[in-house]
């Protein structure tokens, strides 16, 4: 299979669905800010029900695996690599 590139907005959508299921809320009720730090790598700050939570890279990968299986119809266990692009923001390479 060819490599798939997931844009930043779809990564945000994946995290919204992932957190919504964990917190039993609608995905529309979840706000996500993706971040990259040279020391800590990729992460996200999530806001739901007036509370915030920090997700680490492993959580982002888990959210993307859910997204791949349920919304894209791709192998959720394909290799996933997050990348910070100067123009596109945070993107994910699949496969």
N, C-alpha and C. Protein backbone atom coordinates (compact mmCIF):
# COMPACT_ATOMS: atom_id res chain seq x y z
N UNK A 1 0.84 -1.19 0.00
CA UNK A 1 0.00 0.00 0.00
C UNK A 1 0.87 1.24 0.00
N UNK A 2 0.38 2.26 -0.63
CA UNK A 2 1.13 3.51 -0.67
C UNK A 2 1.01 4.25 0.66
N UNK A 3 1.97 5.15 0.87
CA UNK A 3 1.95 5.94 2.10
C UNK A 3 0.78 6.90 2.08
N UNK A 4 0.21 7.10 3.23
CA UNK A 4 -0.91 8.01 3.40
C UNK A 4 -0.42 9.16 4.27
N UNK A 5 -0.80 10.37 3.91
CA UNK A 5 -0.47 11.54 4.73
C UNK A 5 -1.76 12.05 5.35
N UNK A 6 -1.76 12.15 6.66
CA UNK A 6 -2.92 12.66 7.38
C UNK A 6 -2.64 14.11 7.77
N UNK A 7 -3.45 15.06 7.29
CA UNK A 7 -3.22 16.47 7.61
C UNK A 7 -3.57 16.79 9.07
N UNK A 8 -3.11 17.95 9.49
CA UNK A 8 -3.29 18.37 10.88
C UNK A 8 -4.75 18.35 11.31
N UNK A 9 -5.66 18.83 10.47
CA UNK A 9 -7.07 18.87 10.86
C UNK A 9 -7.62 17.47 11.13
N UNK A 10 -7.20 16.49 10.35
CA UNK A 10 -7.67 15.13 10.59
C UNK A 10 -7.05 14.53 11.86
N UNK A 11 -5.84 14.94 12.19
CA UNK A 11 -5.25 14.51 13.47
C UNK A 11 -6.07 15.08 14.62
N UNK A 12 -6.44 16.35 14.50
CA UNK A 12 -7.29 16.99 15.52
C UNK A 12 -8.63 16.25 15.62
N UNK A 13 -9.23 15.95 14.47
CA UNK A 13 -10.50 15.22 14.46
C UNK A 13 -10.36 13.86 15.14
N UNK A 14 -9.26 13.17 14.86
CA UNK A 14 -9.02 11.86 15.47
C UNK A 14 -8.93 11.97 16.99
N UNK A 15 -8.24 13.00 17.46
CA UNK A 15 -8.11 13.20 18.91
C UNK A 15 -9.47 13.54 19.52
N UNK A 16 -10.28 14.33 18.82
CA UNK A 16 -11.61 14.67 19.32
C UNK A 16 -12.47 13.42 19.50
N UNK A 17 -12.45 12.53 18.51
CA UNK A 17 -13.21 11.28 18.60
C UNK A 17 -12.67 10.41 19.73
N UNK A 18 -11.36 10.30 19.80
CA UNK A 18 -10.70 9.48 20.83
C UNK A 18 -11.08 9.94 22.24
N UNK A 19 -10.97 11.24 22.50
CA UNK A 19 -11.29 11.78 23.82
C UNK A 19 -12.79 11.72 24.09
N UNK A 20 -13.59 11.98 23.08
CA UNK A 20 -15.05 11.94 23.25
C UNK A 20 -15.49 10.56 23.73
N UNK A 21 -14.88 9.53 23.19
CA UNK A 21 -15.24 8.17 23.62
C UNK A 21 -14.78 7.90 25.04
N UNK A 22 -13.61 8.39 25.40
CA UNK A 22 -13.10 8.17 26.75
C UNK A 22 -13.91 8.95 27.80
N UNK A 23 -14.34 10.16 27.43
CA UNK A 23 -15.05 11.02 28.38
C UNK A 23 -16.57 10.94 28.23
N UNK A 24 -17.04 10.16 27.26
CA UNK A 24 -18.47 9.99 26.99
C UNK A 24 -19.16 11.32 26.72
N UNK A 25 -18.58 12.07 25.79
CA UNK A 25 -19.16 13.33 25.31
C UNK A 25 -19.18 13.27 23.79
N UNK A 26 -19.76 14.28 23.16
CA UNK A 26 -19.75 14.37 21.70
C UNK A 26 -18.40 14.91 21.24
N UNK A 27 -17.91 14.47 20.09
CA UNK A 27 -16.64 14.99 19.59
C UNK A 27 -16.63 16.52 19.44
N UNK A 28 -17.79 17.09 19.16
CA UNK A 28 -17.89 18.55 19.02
C UNK A 28 -17.63 19.29 20.33
N UNK A 29 -17.71 18.59 21.45
CA UNK A 29 -17.50 19.21 22.76
C UNK A 29 -16.03 19.21 23.15
N UNK A 30 -15.17 18.65 22.32
CA UNK A 30 -13.74 18.53 22.62
C UNK A 30 -12.96 19.55 21.81
N UNK A 31 -12.08 20.28 22.47
CA UNK A 31 -11.17 21.21 21.79
C UNK A 31 -9.76 20.65 21.90
N UNK A 32 -9.00 20.77 20.82
CA UNK A 32 -7.66 20.20 20.78
C UNK A 32 -6.67 21.21 20.24
N UNK A 33 -5.53 21.32 20.91
CA UNK A 33 -4.42 22.12 20.40
C UNK A 33 -3.20 21.20 20.31
N UNK A 34 -2.76 20.94 19.08
CA UNK A 34 -1.56 20.12 18.88
C UNK A 34 -0.33 20.94 19.17
N UNK A 35 0.71 20.30 19.70
CA UNK A 35 1.93 21.01 20.05
C UNK A 35 3.15 20.17 19.70
N UNK A 36 4.26 20.87 19.51
CA UNK A 36 5.55 20.20 19.34
C UNK A 36 6.58 20.96 20.16
N UNK A 37 7.40 20.21 20.88
CA UNK A 37 8.46 20.78 21.70
C UNK A 37 9.71 19.96 21.46
N UNK A 38 10.85 20.62 21.28
CA UNK A 38 12.10 19.90 21.02
C UNK A 38 12.44 18.91 22.12
N UNK A 39 12.09 19.22 23.36
CA UNK A 39 12.42 18.34 24.48
C UNK A 39 11.44 17.19 24.66
N UNK A 40 10.14 17.46 24.43
CA UNK A 40 9.11 16.46 24.73
C UNK A 40 8.45 15.86 23.49
N UNK A 41 8.76 16.37 22.33
CA UNK A 41 8.16 15.84 21.10
C UNK A 41 6.75 16.33 20.89
N UNK A 42 5.92 15.47 20.31
CA UNK A 42 4.54 15.82 19.97
C UNK A 42 3.62 15.58 21.16
N UNK A 43 2.68 16.49 21.31
CA UNK A 43 1.68 16.36 22.37
C UNK A 43 0.44 17.15 21.96
N UNK A 44 -0.56 17.11 22.79
CA UNK A 44 -1.78 17.88 22.54
C UNK A 44 -2.37 18.28 23.88
N UNK A 45 -2.94 19.47 23.89
CA UNK A 45 -3.71 19.90 25.05
C UNK A 45 -5.18 19.80 24.65
N UNK A 46 -5.93 19.11 25.49
CA UNK A 46 -7.33 18.82 25.20
C UNK A 46 -8.19 19.50 26.26
N UNK A 47 -9.26 20.15 25.80
CA UNK A 47 -10.20 20.81 26.69
C UNK A 47 -11.57 20.16 26.52
N UNK A 48 -12.15 19.69 27.63
CA UNK A 48 -13.49 19.11 27.61
C UNK A 48 -14.10 19.29 28.99
N UNK A 49 -15.35 19.70 29.01
CA UNK A 49 -16.07 19.93 30.28
C UNK A 49 -15.30 20.86 31.21
N UNK A 50 -14.77 21.93 30.66
CA UNK A 50 -14.04 22.97 31.41
C UNK A 50 -12.81 22.41 32.13
N UNK A 51 -12.27 21.33 31.63
CA UNK A 51 -11.04 20.76 32.18
C UNK A 51 -10.07 20.55 31.04
N UNK A 52 -8.80 20.57 31.37
CA UNK A 52 -7.81 20.31 30.33
C UNK A 52 -6.97 19.09 30.70
N UNK A 53 -6.40 18.51 29.66
CA UNK A 53 -5.59 17.31 29.82
C UNK A 53 -4.49 17.37 28.76
N UNK A 54 -3.32 16.90 29.09
CA UNK A 54 -2.21 16.83 28.14
C UNK A 54 -2.08 15.39 27.64
N UNK A 55 -2.04 15.24 26.34
CA UNK A 55 -1.82 13.93 25.74
C UNK A 55 -0.39 13.87 25.22
N UNK A 56 0.24 12.72 25.38
CA UNK A 56 1.60 12.53 24.89
C UNK A 56 1.53 11.88 23.50
N UNK A 57 2.69 11.72 22.89
CA UNK A 57 2.76 11.15 21.54
C UNK A 57 2.04 9.81 21.44
N UNK A 58 2.21 8.95 22.43
CA UNK A 58 1.56 7.64 22.39
C UNK A 58 0.04 7.77 22.32
N UNK A 59 -0.54 8.74 23.01
CA UNK A 59 -1.98 8.97 22.95
C UNK A 59 -2.40 9.42 21.55
N UNK A 60 -1.58 10.27 20.93
CA UNK A 60 -1.89 10.75 19.59
C UNK A 60 -1.87 9.58 18.60
N UNK A 61 -0.90 8.70 18.74
CA UNK A 61 -0.80 7.52 17.88
C UNK A 61 -2.03 6.62 18.09
N UNK A 62 -2.43 6.43 19.33
CA UNK A 62 -3.61 5.62 19.63
C UNK A 62 -4.86 6.22 18.99
N UNK A 63 -5.00 7.54 19.06
CA UNK A 63 -6.13 8.22 18.43
C UNK A 63 -6.10 8.04 16.92
N UNK A 64 -4.92 8.13 16.34
CA UNK A 64 -4.79 7.94 14.89
C UNK A 64 -5.10 6.50 14.49
N UNK A 65 -4.76 5.54 15.30
CA UNK A 65 -5.07 4.14 15.00
C UNK A 65 -6.60 3.93 14.96
N UNK A 66 -7.29 4.52 15.92
CA UNK A 66 -8.76 4.47 15.93
C UNK A 66 -9.31 5.11 14.66
N UNK A 67 -8.79 6.28 14.31
CA UNK A 67 -9.23 7.02 13.12
C UNK A 67 -9.00 6.20 11.84
N UNK A 68 -7.82 5.61 11.74
CA UNK A 68 -7.49 4.82 10.55
C UNK A 68 -8.45 3.64 10.37
N UNK A 69 -8.73 2.95 11.46
CA UNK A 69 -9.58 1.77 11.37
C UNK A 69 -11.03 2.14 11.07
N UNK A 70 -11.56 3.10 11.79
CA UNK A 70 -13.00 3.38 11.69
C UNK A 70 -13.40 4.37 10.62
N UNK A 71 -12.53 5.32 10.28
CA UNK A 71 -12.93 6.38 9.36
C UNK A 71 -12.21 6.34 8.02
N UNK A 72 -11.06 5.68 7.96
CA UNK A 72 -10.29 5.64 6.72
C UNK A 72 -10.30 4.24 6.11
N UNK A 73 -10.58 3.24 6.94
CA UNK A 73 -10.59 1.87 6.46
C UNK A 73 -9.21 1.33 6.14
N UNK A 74 -8.21 1.80 6.87
CA UNK A 74 -6.83 1.34 6.67
C UNK A 74 -6.39 0.53 7.89
N UNK A 75 -5.29 -0.17 7.72
CA UNK A 75 -4.71 -0.99 8.78
C UNK A 75 -4.31 -0.10 9.96
N UNK A 76 -4.93 -0.29 11.13
CA UNK A 76 -4.59 0.56 12.27
C UNK A 76 -3.20 0.28 12.84
N UNK A 77 -2.59 -0.82 12.42
CA UNK A 77 -1.27 -1.17 12.94
C UNK A 77 -0.15 -0.86 11.96
N UNK A 78 -0.47 -0.11 10.92
CA UNK A 78 0.56 0.35 9.99
C UNK A 78 1.47 1.32 10.75
N UNK A 79 2.73 1.44 10.35
CA UNK A 79 3.63 2.39 11.01
C UNK A 79 3.09 3.82 10.89
N UNK A 80 3.15 4.57 11.98
CA UNK A 80 2.71 5.96 12.02
C UNK A 80 3.87 6.82 12.48
N UNK A 81 4.15 7.86 11.71
CA UNK A 81 5.23 8.78 12.08
C UNK A 81 4.68 10.20 12.04
N UNK A 82 4.74 10.87 13.17
CA UNK A 82 4.33 12.28 13.23
C UNK A 82 5.48 13.15 12.74
N UNK A 83 5.12 14.24 12.07
CA UNK A 83 6.12 15.12 11.48
C UNK A 83 5.66 16.57 11.60
N UNK A 84 6.59 17.45 11.93
CA UNK A 84 6.30 18.88 11.98
C UNK A 84 6.73 19.49 10.65
N UNK A 85 5.76 19.96 9.88
CA UNK A 85 6.01 20.55 8.57
C UNK A 85 5.88 22.07 8.67
N UNK A 86 6.83 22.78 8.06
CA UNK A 86 6.82 24.25 8.13
C UNK A 86 5.54 24.85 7.57
N UNK A 87 4.97 24.24 6.54
CA UNK A 87 3.78 24.80 5.89
C UNK A 87 2.48 24.16 6.36
N UNK A 88 2.51 22.86 6.61
CA UNK A 88 1.29 22.11 6.91
C UNK A 88 1.02 21.93 8.39
N UNK A 89 1.96 22.27 9.25
CA UNK A 89 1.81 22.04 10.68
C UNK A 89 2.19 20.62 11.03
N UNK A 90 1.47 20.02 11.96
CA UNK A 90 1.76 18.64 12.37
C UNK A 90 0.96 17.70 11.47
N UNK A 91 1.67 16.80 10.80
CA UNK A 91 1.04 15.83 9.93
C UNK A 91 1.52 14.43 10.33
N UNK A 92 0.84 13.42 9.81
CA UNK A 92 1.22 12.05 10.11
C UNK A 92 1.42 11.28 8.80
N UNK A 93 2.51 10.53 8.75
CA UNK A 93 2.76 9.62 7.64
C UNK A 93 2.36 8.22 8.08
N UNK A 94 1.55 7.57 7.26
CA UNK A 94 1.07 6.23 7.58
C UNK A 94 1.64 5.26 6.54
N UNK A 95 2.22 4.17 7.03
CA UNK A 95 2.73 3.14 6.12
C UNK A 95 4.19 3.26 5.82
